[in-house]
Amino acid sequence: MKLVFLDRKTIGDDIDLSSFKDFGEVVEYNFSSVNEVPDRVADADILVINKIPINEATIGGAKNLKLVCVTATGTNNLDKDYLESRNIEWRNVAGYSTESVAQHTFSMLFYLLEHMAYYDKYVKDGNYINDTMFTHFDKVFPQISGKTWGIIGLGAIGRKVADIAKSFGAKVIYYSASGSAPQSGYEQVDFDTLLRNSDIVSVHAPLNEYTEGLMDSATFSKMKNTAIFLNLGRGPIVNEIDLTAALNNNQIAAAGLDVISVEPMSEACPLLQVKDKSKLLITPHIGWASVEARTNLMNIIYGQIKNYLEI
């Protein structure tokens, strides 16, 4: 049995993959271009991939291929019809990073809510040395307690965020873009109600026909001008030109993004045109990537391969 990792770097060098040798020969490539894939998979039995397109053009010559494992939840890079025509099975992973993404959500919120960049710079620039009083609060900030937190997408991550927000004393409401049935213990509202009433809006939804372009000029205009917007779902859920305008025109107070429409970022990204940089926090799609989440991810992949081979 030959197992090939086509983009091993997306897992992280700190994660030990030696256990996969239990299944046979293991070949690891840090990255693979679309043009490199056909040669690299020619005699592979199992592929472990993240973003690599899997279709007839890339794996058409892989005559031994039996299983494709995606180290992510999203599978839009798989041509499932082609895989089915070849009787090649596929697996993805869900639920491995719930705690990690929820933690990152609050990390981003606190950074923006309490103006951490400003206060850190204030002290490190020497302004606190022999200051006129023991405290300095030129950048005022509120508590989460008593505020309304609106969640778009109440899956496992959305529920985790909701539960933590409640523990801080926030009122939590949520909107389901797909119109799914209400979930017990959580208050479902329509989209306009969520936008108009929320002090914090966080997105934890998948990218699909219901959510693509959901956050645009019309939606930002309905939000409070004191609201903080967070996107930890997928980049194309947000119209980045409209978000840039909303920030520049003070329609909302701030935004934190762990995902953007083009990753890695393009020089043409509209978000680079936000004038007040303190209003915008962007992290490079790291919310899912705690050590524990990545370890959990690969343990699940290992189990999937083991179960497949024992069928």
Protein backbone atom coordinates (compact mmCIF):
# COMPACT_ATOMS: atom_id res chain seq x y z
CA MET A 1 0.00 0.00 0.00
CA LYS A 2 1.36 3.44 -0.98
CA LEU A 3 0.08 6.54 0.75
CA VAL A 4 0.92 9.99 -0.68
CA PHE A 5 0.61 13.36 1.10
CA LEU A 6 0.39 15.97 -1.66
CA ASP A 7 0.49 19.14 0.49
CA ARG A 8 1.97 18.07 3.79
CA LYS A 9 2.90 21.66 4.80
CA THR A 10 -0.80 22.46 5.25
CA ILE A 11 -0.79 20.13 8.26
CA GLY A 12 2.29 21.68 9.88
CA ASP A 13 5.79 20.37 10.41
CA ASP A 14 5.15 20.04 14.15
CA ILE A 15 2.55 17.29 13.67
CA ASP A 16 4.04 13.79 13.75
CA LEU A 17 2.78 11.64 10.88
CA SER A 18 5.00 8.63 11.48
CA SER A 19 2.00 6.50 12.51
CA PHE A 20 0.81 6.48 8.88
CA LYS A 21 3.69 4.12 8.09
CA ASP A 22 1.49 1.46 9.69
CA PHE A 23 -0.31 1.32 6.35
CA GLY A 24 2.75 0.88 4.16
CA GLU A 25 4.99 3.21 2.14
CA VAL A 26 4.47 6.92 2.87
CA VAL A 27 5.60 9.67 0.49
CA GLU A 28 5.31 13.30 1.54
CA TYR A 29 5.37 16.38 -0.69
CA ASN A 30 5.30 19.78 1.00
CA PHE A 31 3.30 21.28 -1.86
CA SER A 32 2.14 20.04 -5.26
CA SER A 33 1.12 22.07 -8.28
CA VAL A 34 -1.69 20.81 -10.47
CA ASN A 35 0.90 19.91 -13.12
CA GLU A 36 2.95 17.89 -10.63
CA VAL A 37 0.07 15.83 -9.29
CA PRO A 38 -0.32 13.26 -12.11
CA ASP A 39 3.26 11.97 -11.77
CA ARG A 40 3.15 12.02 -7.97
CA VAL A 41 -0.05 9.95 -7.74
CA ALA A 42 0.65 7.52 -10.58
CA ASP A 43 1.14 4.50 -8.29
CA ALA A 44 -0.60 5.77 -5.15
CA ASP A 45 -3.27 3.73 -3.38
CA ILE A 46 -4.33 6.46 -0.95
CA LEU A 47 -4.04 10.24 -1.18
CA VAL A 48 -4.11 12.71 1.70
CA ILE A 49 -4.78 16.21 0.43
CA ASN A 50 -6.07 19.59 1.53
CA LYS A 51 -6.62 22.04 -1.33
CA ILE A 52 -5.36 20.00 -4.30
CA PRO A 53 -7.98 19.64 -7.08
CA ILE A 54 -8.89 15.99 -7.49
CA ASN A 55 -10.39 15.30 -10.91
CA GLU A 56 -9.73 13.37 -14.11
CA ALA A 57 -6.95 15.75 -15.15
CA THR A 58 -5.00 15.27 -11.92
CA ILE A 59 -5.66 11.61 -11.03
CA GLY A 60 -6.76 10.09 -14.35
CA GLY A 61 -3.54 8.09 -14.55
CA ALA A 62 -3.63 6.87 -10.93
CA LYS A 63 -4.73 3.32 -11.69
CA ASN A 64 -4.25 2.00 -8.13
CA LEU A 65 -6.07 4.82 -6.35
CA LYS A 66 -8.70 3.64 -3.90
CA LEU A 67 -9.20 6.41 -1.33
CA VAL A 68 -8.82 10.21 -1.11
CA CYS A 69 -8.73 11.79 2.36
CA VAL A 70 -9.28 15.54 2.67
CA THR A 71 -7.72 17.17 5.73
CA ALA A 72 -10.61 19.65 5.94
CA THR A 73 -14.38 19.80 6.06
CA GLY A 74 -14.89 21.41 2.65
CA THR A 75 -14.76 19.12 -0.38
CA ASN A 76 -15.41 21.52 -3.26
CA ASN A 77 -11.99 20.55 -4.68
CA LEU A 78 -13.21 16.99 -5.31
CA ASP A 79 -14.90 15.94 -8.55
CA LYS A 80 -17.19 13.50 -6.77
CA ASP A 81 -18.88 12.29 -9.96
CA TYR A 82 -15.50 11.31 -11.41
CA LEU A 83 -14.46 9.61 -8.19
CA GLU A 84 -17.70 7.64 -8.17
CA SER A 85 -17.19 6.60 -11.78
CA ARG A 86 -13.82 5.16 -10.75
CA ASN A 87 -15.14 3.59 -7.52
CA ILE A 88 -12.68 5.74 -5.59
CA GLU A 89 -13.92 6.56 -2.11
CA TRP A 90 -13.34 9.86 -0.33
CA ARG A 91 -13.40 11.09 3.25
CA ASN A 92 -13.44 14.53 4.85
CA VAL A 93 -13.28 15.62 8.47
CA ALA A 94 -15.78 17.67 10.47
CA GLY A 95 -15.79 18.83 14.07
CA TYR A 96 -12.05 18.61 14.65
CA SER A 97 -11.50 22.33 15.26
CA THR A 98 -14.62 23.50 17.09
CA GLU A 99 -12.82 24.62 20.25
CA SER A 100 -9.95 26.13 18.27
CA VAL A 101 -12.17 28.31 16.06
CA ALA A 102 -14.33 29.38 18.99
CA GLN A 103 -11.21 30.40 20.90
CA HIS A 104 -9.96 32.40 17.91
CA THR A 105 -13.33 34.11 17.61
CA PHE A 106 -12.98 35.53 21.10
CA SER A 107 -9.32 36.33 20.61
CA MET A 108 -10.24 38.51 17.63
CA LEU A 109 -13.16 40.09 19.45
CA PHE A 110 -11.14 41.08 22.51
CA TYR A 111 -8.35 42.53 20.37
CA LEU A 112 -10.82 44.80 18.60
CA LEU A 113 -13.26 45.45 21.45
CA GLU A 114 -10.63 46.57 23.96
CA HIS A 115 -8.33 48.31 21.45
CA MET A 116 -5.44 46.07 22.43
CA ALA A 117 -3.15 47.29 19.65
CA TYR A 118 -3.55 50.90 20.78
CA TYR A 119 -2.91 50.21 24.46
CA ASP A 120 0.04 47.93 23.80
CA LYS A 121 1.63 50.60 21.60
CA TYR A 122 0.82 53.32 24.14
CA VAL A 123 2.82 51.56 26.82
CA LYS A 124 5.68 50.33 24.64
CA ASP A 125 6.18 53.78 23.10
CA GLY A 126 6.98 55.05 26.60
CA ASN A 127 3.80 57.07 27.09
CA TYR A 128 2.93 55.29 30.34
CA ILE A 129 6.27 56.19 31.94
CA ASN A 130 5.60 58.91 34.53
CA ASP A 131 2.08 59.33 33.14
CA THR A 132 -0.25 61.79 34.84
CA MET A 133 -2.36 59.03 36.45
CA PHE A 134 -2.32 55.31 37.04
CA THR A 135 -4.70 54.53 34.18
CA HIS A 136 -5.25 55.65 30.62
CA PHE A 137 -8.55 55.07 28.81
CA ASP A 138 -8.65 57.36 25.82
CA LYS A 139 -9.98 54.43 23.78
CA VAL A 140 -13.12 53.49 25.67
CA PHE A 141 -14.61 50.01 25.43
CA PRO A 142 -17.74 48.23 26.65
CA GLN A 143 -18.32 44.91 28.37
CA ILE A 144 -19.77 41.93 26.53
CA SER A 145 -22.23 41.49 29.38
CA GLY A 146 -25.60 42.94 28.43
CA LYS A 147 -24.78 43.14 24.73
CA THR A 148 -26.50 41.21 21.95
CA TRP A 149 -24.39 38.74 19.99
CA GLY A 150 -25.78 37.65 16.63
CA ILE A 151 -24.50 34.42 15.13
CA ILE A 152 -24.86 33.49 11.47
CA GLY A 153 -24.61 29.71 11.19
CA LEU A 154 -25.40 27.69 14.30
CA GLY A 155 -23.42 24.54 13.63
CA ALA A 156 -21.02 23.06 16.17
CA ILE A 157 -18.76 26.12 16.14
CA GLY A 158 -21.66 28.58 16.25
CA ARG A 159 -23.16 26.77 19.25
CA LYS A 160 -19.81 26.76 21.04
CA VAL A 161 -19.43 30.51 20.48
CA ALA A 162 -23.02 31.04 21.62
CA ASP A 163 -22.46 29.14 24.84
CA ILE A 164 -19.27 31.05 25.65
CA ALA A 165 -20.90 34.39 24.80
CA LYS A 166 -23.74 33.55 27.19
CA SER A 167 -21.22 32.86 29.93
CA PHE A 168 -19.98 36.44 29.49
CA GLY A 169 -23.54 37.68 29.96
CA ALA A 170 -24.41 38.36 26.33
CA LYS A 171 -27.83 37.82 24.84
CA VAL A 172 -27.37 35.45 21.90
CA ILE A 173 -29.55 35.34 18.79
CA TYR A 174 -28.88 33.49 15.55
CA TYR A 175 -29.90 33.38 11.90
CA SER A 176 -29.97 30.33 9.64
CA ALA A 177 -29.30 31.32 6.03
CA SER A 178 -30.62 27.96 4.81
CA GLY A 179 -33.82 28.29 6.81
CA SER A 180 -33.22 25.23 8.95
CA ALA A 181 -35.57 24.46 11.83
CA PRO A 182 -35.01 26.26 15.15
CA GLN A 183 -32.58 24.63 17.57
CA SER A 184 -33.69 24.05 21.14
CA GLY A 185 -32.04 26.38 23.63
CA TYR A 186 -31.12 29.06 21.08
CA GLU A 187 -33.16 32.04 19.84
CA GLN A 188 -33.58 32.06 16.07
CA VAL A 189 -34.47 35.37 14.41
CA ASP A 190 -34.81 36.70 10.88
CA PHE A 191 -31.80 38.29 9.21
CA ASP A 192 -32.93 41.91 9.58
CA THR A 193 -33.60 41.44 13.28
CA LEU A 194 -30.14 40.01 13.82
CA LEU A 195 -28.43 42.80 11.90
CA ARG A 196 -30.32 45.67 13.54
CA ASN A 197 -30.07 44.41 17.12
CA SER A 198 -26.62 42.86 17.38
CA ASP A 199 -23.63 44.57 18.96
CA ILE A 200 -21.43 41.73 17.72
CA VAL A 201 -22.10 39.69 14.58
CA SER A 202 -20.03 36.57 13.93
CA VAL A 203 -20.21 34.28 10.90
CA HIS A 204 -19.65 30.53 11.37
CA ALA A 205 -21.51 29.30 8.30
CA PRO A 206 -20.30 27.24 5.33
CA LEU A 207 -20.02 28.77 1.87
CA ASN A 208 -23.01 27.74 -0.23
CA GLU A 209 -25.79 29.17 -2.38
CA TYR A 210 -27.42 30.69 0.71
CA THR A 211 -24.35 32.43 2.12
CA GLU A 212 -22.20 33.54 -0.83
CA GLY A 213 -22.15 37.35 -0.84
CA LEU A 214 -24.54 37.41 2.14
CA MET A 215 -22.71 40.28 3.83
CA ASP A 216 -22.85 43.23 1.45
CA SER A 217 -23.60 46.96 1.46
CA ALA A 218 -27.28 46.37 2.18
CA THR A 219 -26.55 44.23 5.24
CA PHE A 220 -23.78 46.42 6.63
CA SER A 221 -26.07 49.46 6.34
CA LYS A 222 -28.56 47.76 8.68
CA MET A 223 -26.02 47.13 11.42
CA LYS A 224 -25.31 49.40 14.37
CA ASN A 225 -22.45 51.83 13.74
CA THR A 226 -20.98 50.56 17.02
CA ALA A 227 -21.13 46.90 15.95
CA ILE A 228 -18.16 44.59 15.51
CA PHE A 229 -18.30 42.09 12.65
CA LEU A 230 -16.35 38.82 12.68
CA ASN A 231 -16.03 36.29 9.85
CA LEU A 232 -14.69 32.84 10.71
CA GLY A 233 -16.72 31.03 8.05
CA ARG A 234 -15.51 31.48 4.47
CA GLY A 235 -14.19 34.56 2.71
CA PRO A 236 -16.71 34.81 -0.17
CA ILE A 237 -19.56 35.13 2.34
CA VAL A 238 -18.44 38.77 2.56
CA ASN A 239 -18.36 41.30 -0.25
CA GLU A 240 -14.97 42.80 0.57
CA ILE A 241 -15.52 45.99 -1.43
CA ASP A 242 -18.68 46.64 0.57
CA LEU A 243 -17.01 45.81 3.89
CA THR A 244 -14.19 48.22 3.08
CA ALA A 245 -16.75 50.94 2.37
CA ALA A 246 -18.65 50.13 5.57
CA LEU A 247 -15.49 50.57 7.63
CA ASN A 248 -14.37 53.71 5.81
CA ASN A 249 -17.84 55.26 6.13
CA ASN A 250 -18.20 54.34 9.82
CA GLN A 251 -21.23 52.15 9.17
CA ILE A 252 -19.76 49.60 11.58
CA ALA A 253 -17.09 50.02 14.25
CA ALA A 254 -14.66 47.25 13.37
CA ALA A 255 -14.20 43.91 11.62
CA GLY A 256 -12.15 40.80 12.31
CA LEU A 257 -11.55 38.30 9.52
CA ASP A 258 -9.82 34.95 9.66
CA VAL A 259 -10.88 34.19 6.10
CA ILE A 260 -10.82 36.27 2.92
CA SER A 261 -12.03 35.71 -0.62
CA VAL A 262 -8.60 34.96 -2.12
CA GLU A 263 -6.15 33.03 0.05
CA PRO A 264 -3.28 33.82 0.26
CA MET A 265 -4.17 37.50 -0.08
CA SER A 266 -3.93 39.17 -3.46
CA GLU A 267 -2.38 42.61 -3.93
CA ALA A 268 -5.76 43.61 -5.33
CA CYS A 269 -7.63 42.78 -2.12
CA PRO A 270 -10.06 45.66 -1.42
CA LEU A 271 -9.49 45.34 2.32
CA LEU A 272 -6.05 46.88 1.89
CA GLN A 273 -7.89 50.14 1.19
CA VAL A 274 -9.36 50.43 4.69
CA LYS A 275 -8.15 53.82 5.88
CA ASP A 276 -8.13 53.32 9.64
CA LYS A 277 -6.15 50.11 10.04
CA SER A 278 -7.11 49.83 13.71
CA LYS A 279 -10.66 49.03 12.63
CA LEU A 280 -9.67 45.88 10.78
CA LEU A 281 -7.98 42.73 12.05
CA ILE A 282 -7.08 40.01 9.54
CA THR A 283 -5.45 36.72 10.47
CA PRO A 284 -4.23 34.25 7.81
CA HIS A 285 -6.85 31.50 8.18
CA ILE A 286 -5.42 30.22 11.47
CA GLY A 287 -8.53 29.85 13.57
CA TRP A 288 -8.67 26.10 12.93
CA ALA A 289 -4.97 25.51 13.47
CA SER A 290 -4.27 25.03 17.16
CA VAL A 291 -1.84 22.18 17.84
CA GLU A 292 -4.63 20.17 19.40
CA ALA A 293 -6.98 20.68 16.45
CA ARG A 294 -4.37 19.67 13.89
CA THR A 295 -3.42 16.64 15.96
CA ASN A 296 -7.09 15.70 16.26
CA LEU A 297 -7.50 16.16 12.51
CA MET A 298 -4.74 13.74 11.64
CA ASN A 299 -5.87 11.22 14.24
CA ILE A 300 -9.27 11.21 12.54
CA ILE A 301 -7.65 10.77 9.10
CA TYR A 302 -5.60 7.88 10.49
CA GLY A 303 -8.77 6.26 11.80
CA GLN A 304 -10.55 6.73 8.48
CA ILE A 305 -7.77 4.98 6.59
CA LYS A 306 -7.60 2.20 9.17
CA ASN A 307 -11.34 1.65 8.97
CA TYR A 308 -11.29 1.66 5.18
CA LEU A 309 -8.54 -0.95 5.00
CA GLU A 310 -10.40 -3.17 7.48
CA ILE A 311 -13.61 -3.18 5.42
